Amino acid sequence: MELKNTVAVVTGANRGLGRHLAAQLVGRGAKVYAAARHPEMVDVPGVTPLRLDVTDEASIREATRIASDATLLINNAGISTGATLVGGDLDEVRREMETNFFGPLAATRAFTPVIEGNGGGAVLNVLSALSWFHPAGLGSYAASKAAAWALSNATREELAPRGVTVSALHVGYMDTDMAAGVPADQKVAAADVAAQALRGIETGLPEILADETSRYVKQSLSVAPRSNAG
């Protein structure tokens, strides 16, 4: 997909990876709707701020009306609550699933006819190495990203006949607010991840593995889980 003159909607574009994606798309000649729950917080030069809350279907419908020329949707908005699945607050587990799974699903369902009507295009879902690796301490987040991986794979097949490609971006720790407590030497720069993501969209990669962590975890999927017996 040629990114020059693409019309992109980037959710969660007010900070972190979303901000870098929006800025780099502008640099490549794309028109960018920088979507956020609070669009007044968007400060990327050259973009059109757009109010969009992925947990609010009315907000999504209004965003499709405004961004009616969209050809690329980047589902980047997400949260991490730190909830565990058994001992954690169930409301937090539900909130994480609503944002990280149902949010991208709702946005994809709403924007697919828009993208199709504009001649086709692409969807990028921002996932994680935790789509495949599920530590107990991040059980809720990992479950939501695993579900979003399944979403990516299923919609890729479903939307291909409609001229819409679907890519999934996987990364370990990025230098963003979400990973503020992680040592710097374990994180990759969000700008580098954004550049890899956009190259992946251009070349039509179904999965974009942005760092060594995601590549290692993906390669380990065939390894049998360790038993808790002992």
Foldseek 3Di string as FASTA:
>chain_A
DQLAQAEEEQEPCLFFLNVLLQQVSVVSHYAYADEYCDQVSRDRPRYHHAYADLLDLVSLLVRCVVSLLHQEYELDDADADQAFDPPGDVVVLVVRLSNLPVSVVSNCVNCLVSNLVNPHHEYEYEAELLLQPADRRRNSNSVSRVNVVVVQVVVQVVCVVSRYHYAYEYEYAAPTPRPVVPDPVVHDYSNQSSVQVVVCRVVRPNYGYRDPSSVVSVVCNVPDDDDPDD
